[in-house]
C-alpha atoms as a PDB file:
ATOM      1  CA  MET A   1      97.107 113.561 115.579  1.00  0.00           C
ATOM      2  CA  LEU A   2      97.508 110.263 113.713  1.00  0.00           C
ATOM      3  CA  LEU A   3      94.537 108.851 115.610  1.00  0.00           C
ATOM      4  CA  VAL A   4      92.364 111.815 114.542  1.00  0.00           C
ATOM      5  CA  ALA A   5      93.435 111.369 110.905  1.00  0.00           C
ATOM      6  CA  LEU A   6      92.564 107.650 111.029  1.00  0.00           C
ATOM      7  CA  ILE A   7      89.138 108.394 112.510  1.00  0.00           C
ATOM      8  CA  VAL A   8      88.413 110.997 109.801  1.00  0.00           C
ATOM      9  CA  VAL A   9      89.479 108.568 107.053  1.00  0.00           C
ATOM     10  CA  ALA A  10      87.247 105.838 108.556  1.00  0.00           C
ATOM     11  CA  ILE A  11      84.225 108.150 108.773  1.00  0.00           C
ATOM     12  CA  VAL A  12      84.673 109.411 105.210  1.00  0.00           C
ATOM     13  CA  GLY A  13      85.135 105.827 103.931  1.00  0.00           C
ATOM     14  CA  VAL A  14      81.953 104.636 105.625  1.00  0.00           C
ATOM     15  CA  GLY A  15      80.055 107.702 104.336  1.00  0.00           C
ATOM     16  CA  ILE A  16      81.170 106.992 100.780  1.00  0.00           C
ATOM     17  CA  GLY A  17      80.196 103.329 101.173  1.00  0.00           C
ATOM     18  CA  VAL A  18      76.714 104.192 102.452  1.00  0.00           C
ATOM     19  CA  TRP A  19      76.260 106.731  99.637  1.00  0.00           C
ATOM     20  CA  GLY A  20      77.270 104.040  97.134  1.00  0.00           C
ATOM     21  CA  MET A  21      74.550 101.752  98.487  1.00  0.00           C
ATOM     22  CA  ILE A  22      71.881 104.478  98.437  1.00  0.00           C
ATOM     23  CA  ALA A  23      72.697 106.235  95.161  1.00  0.00           C
ATOM     24  CA  LYS A  24      73.437 103.269  92.919  1.00  0.00           C
ATOM     25  CA  PRO A  25      71.192 102.822  89.876  1.00  0.00           C
ATOM     26  CA  ARG A  26      68.513 100.152  90.262  1.00  0.00           C
ATOM     27  CA  GLY A  27      69.521  96.742  89.062  1.00  0.00           C
ATOM     28  CA  VAL A  28      73.234  97.541  88.953  1.00  0.00           C
ATOM     29  CA  ARG A  29      75.555  96.007  91.528  1.00  0.00           C
ATOM     30  CA  MET A  30      78.392  98.344  92.447  1.00  0.00           C
ATOM     31  CA  PRO A  31      81.090  97.472  94.973  1.00  0.00           C
ATOM     32  CA  VAL A  32      80.657  99.113  98.353  1.00  0.00           C
ATOM     33  CA  LEU A  33      84.041 100.043  99.766  1.00  0.00           C
ATOM     34  CA  ASP A  34      86.344  97.185  98.823  1.00  0.00           C
ATOM     35  CA  LEU A  35      84.446  94.241 100.252  1.00  0.00           C
ATOM     36  CA  PRO A  36      85.182  90.661  99.209  1.00  0.00           C
ATOM     37  CA  GLU A  37      82.821  89.354  96.510  1.00  0.00           C
ATOM     38  CA  SER A  38      81.261  86.807  98.896  1.00  0.00           C
ATOM     39  CA  VAL A  39      80.263  89.618 101.268  1.00  0.00           C
ATOM     40  CA  ARG A  40      78.967  91.854  98.428  1.00  0.00           C
ATOM     41  CA  ASP A  41      76.845  88.963  97.114  1.00  0.00           C
ATOM     42  CA  ALA A  42      75.284  88.565 100.557  1.00  0.00           C
ATOM     43  CA  LEU A  43      74.108  92.207 100.608  1.00  0.00           C
ATOM     44  CA  PRO A  44      70.459  92.715  99.612  1.00  0.00           C
ATOM     45  CA  GLU A  45      69.713  94.168  96.183  1.00  0.00           C
ATOM     46  CA  ILE A  46      68.098  97.601  96.134  1.00  0.00           C
ATOM     47  CA  ALA A  47      66.291  96.829  92.886  1.00  0.00           C
ATOM     48  CA  GLY A  48      62.819  95.334  93.088  1.00  0.00           C
ATOM     49  CA  PRO A  49      61.604  92.047  91.619  1.00  0.00           C
ATOM     50  CA  PRO A  50      61.262  91.681  87.826  1.00  0.00           C
ATOM     51  CA  ILE A  51      58.158  92.787  85.958  1.00  0.00           C
ATOM     52  CA  LEU A  52      57.051  92.548  82.339  1.00  0.00           C
ATOM     53  CA  ILE A  53      54.339  94.785  80.883  1.00  0.00           C
ATOM     54  CA  GLU A  54      52.974  93.984  77.411  1.00  0.00           C
ATOM     55  CA  SER A  55      50.171  95.410  75.321  1.00  0.00           C
ATOM     56  CA  ASP A  56      48.331  94.423  72.169  1.00  0.00           C
ATOM     57  CA  PRO A  57      49.103  96.399  70.096  1.00  0.00           C
ATOM     58  CA  PRO A  58      52.623  97.136  71.399  1.00  0.00           C
ATOM     59  CA  GLY A  59      54.013 100.637  71.827  1.00  0.00           C
ATOM     60  CA  ALA A  60      51.683 101.901  74.548  1.00  0.00           C
ATOM     61  CA  THR A  61      53.124 104.451  76.969  1.00  0.00           C
ATOM     62  CA  ILE A  62      53.125 103.254  80.595  1.00  0.00           C
ATOM     63  CA  GLU A  63      52.369 106.041  83.066  1.00  0.00           C
ATOM     64  CA  SER A  64      52.113 106.129  86.856  1.00  0.00           C
ATOM     65  CA  THR A  65      51.696 108.899  89.412  1.00  0.00           C
ATOM     66  CA  ALA A  66      55.524 108.932  89.606  1.00  0.00           C
ATOM     67  CA  GLY A  67      55.880 109.604  85.868  1.00  0.00           C
ATOM     68  CA  THR A  68      56.367 107.700  82.624  1.00  0.00           C
ATOM     69  CA  LEU A  69      57.846 104.232  83.033  1.00  0.00           C
ATOM     70  CA  GLY A  70      58.402 103.517  79.335  1.00  0.00           C
ATOM     71  CA  ALA A  71      56.629 101.888  76.388  1.00  0.00           C
ATOM     72  CA  THR A  72      55.377  98.341  75.909  1.00  0.00           C
ATOM     73  CA  PRO A  73      56.783  95.804  75.806  1.00  0.00           C
ATOM     74  CA  TRP A  74      58.658  96.884  78.929  1.00  0.00           C
ATOM     75  CA  ALA A  75      60.748  94.669  81.202  1.00  0.00           C
ATOM     76  CA  GLY A  76      62.617  95.786  84.277  1.00  0.00           C
ATOM     77  CA  ASN A  77      62.565  95.824  88.036  1.00  0.00           C
ATOM     78  CA  ASN A  78      59.429  96.759  89.968  1.00  0.00           C
ATOM     79  CA  PRO A  79      60.276 100.259  91.235  1.00  0.00           C
ATOM     80  CA  PHE A  80      57.206 100.538  93.491  1.00  0.00           C
ATOM     81  CA  LEU A  81      57.072  99.526  97.156  1.00  0.00           C
ATOM     82  CA  THR A  82      53.286  99.860  97.385  1.00  0.00           C
ATOM     83  CA  ASP A  83      50.435  98.981  95.032  1.00  0.00           C
ATOM     84  CA  THR A  84      50.344 101.410  92.120  1.00  0.00           C
ATOM     85  CA  GLU A  85      47.885 102.158  89.343  1.00  0.00           C
ATOM     86  CA  LEU A  86      49.442 102.219  85.877  1.00  0.00           C
ATOM     87  CA  THR A  87      47.813 103.727  82.795  1.00  0.00           C
ATOM     88  CA  LEU A  88      48.628 102.424  79.315  1.00  0.00           C
ATOM     89  CA  LYS A  89      48.030 104.952  76.512  1.00  0.00           C
ATOM     90  CA  LEU A  90      48.335 104.583  72.744  1.00  0.00           C
ATOM     91  CA  ALA A  91      47.091 106.985  70.075  1.00  0.00           C
ATOM     92  CA  GLY A  92      43.864 105.722  68.491  1.00  0.00           C
ATOM     93  CA  TYR A  93      43.100 103.405  71.435  1.00  0.00           C
ATOM     94  CA  GLN A  94      41.249 103.746  74.730  1.00  0.00           C
ATOM     95  CA  SER A  95      43.508 104.173  77.771  1.00  0.00           C
ATOM     96  CA  LYS A  96      43.566 101.221  80.128  1.00  0.00           C
ATOM     97  CA  LYS A  97      44.274 101.329  83.870  1.00  0.00           C
ATOM     98  CA  VAL A  98      45.846  98.337  85.617  1.00  0.00           C
ATOM     99  CA  LYS A  99      47.012  97.671  89.160  1.00  0.00           C
ATOM    100  CA  LEU A 100      50.627  96.688  89.854  1.00  0.00           C
ATOM    101  CA  GLN A 101      51.361  95.165  93.243  1.00  0.00           C
ATOM    102  CA  GLY A 102      54.283  96.837  94.938  1.00  0.00           C
ATOM    103  CA  ALA A 103      57.496  94.907  95.582  1.00  0.00           C
ATOM    104  CA  LYS A 104      56.233  91.795  93.754  1.00  0.00           C
ATOM    105  CA  GLU A 105      57.129  89.996  90.554  1.00  0.00           C
ATOM    106  CA  ALA A 106      54.508  90.514  87.850  1.00  0.00           C
ATOM    107  CA  ARG A 107      53.573  89.988  84.234  1.00  0.00           C
ATOM    108  CA  ILE A 108      50.849  92.293  82.951  1.00  0.00           C
ATOM    109  CA  VAL A 109      49.288  91.755  79.523  1.00  0.00           C
ATOM    110  CA  VAL A 110      46.739  94.323  78.316  1.00  0.00           C
ATOM    111  CA  THR A 111      44.634  94.334  75.143  1.00  0.00           C
ATOM    112  CA  LEU A 112      43.793  97.891  74.140  1.00  0.00           C
ATOM    113  CA  LYS A 113      40.473  98.644  72.471  1.00  0.00           C
ATOM    114  CA  LYS A 114      40.235 100.988  69.481  1.00  0.00           C
ATOM    115  CA  ALA A 115      38.920 104.408  70.415  1.00  0.00           C
ATOM    116  CA  THR A 116      35.428 105.292  69.297  1.00  0.00           C
ATOM    117  CA  ARG A 117      34.955 108.541  67.408  1.00  0.00           C
END
C-alpha cells in the first residue's frame, strides 16, 4: 500500500512539474518542482527571443492573425515560431504590413504615411 501511495505521489508531482513548464507565462521563470537553481538555469526558456517594434509616429496598434500584440513602441519576446505578417494601424495614417521572422530576434522600425482623403 505504501508503494502505491509513493507511486501516486511521484506521478502527481511530475504532472504538476510538466504543467508548470507548459502553462507558465512567457518570459517568466517559475521553479519546476523543487529543482536546484543550477538545474533550473540549464532548462530552456519557453519565451522567444527579444523583439522591438517602433513606429513614427508612435502609438500604432500592432495586429497579427493571432490577435493584437500591443501598441508601438512595443518590446517583448517574439511569440511566433514561424514567419508572421504584422499590420501597424494608426488613425489618420495608412496601415503598413511588415514581416516578422519567427523565433528570431528583431527590431522593426516603420514610418507611417498620412492617409489621403
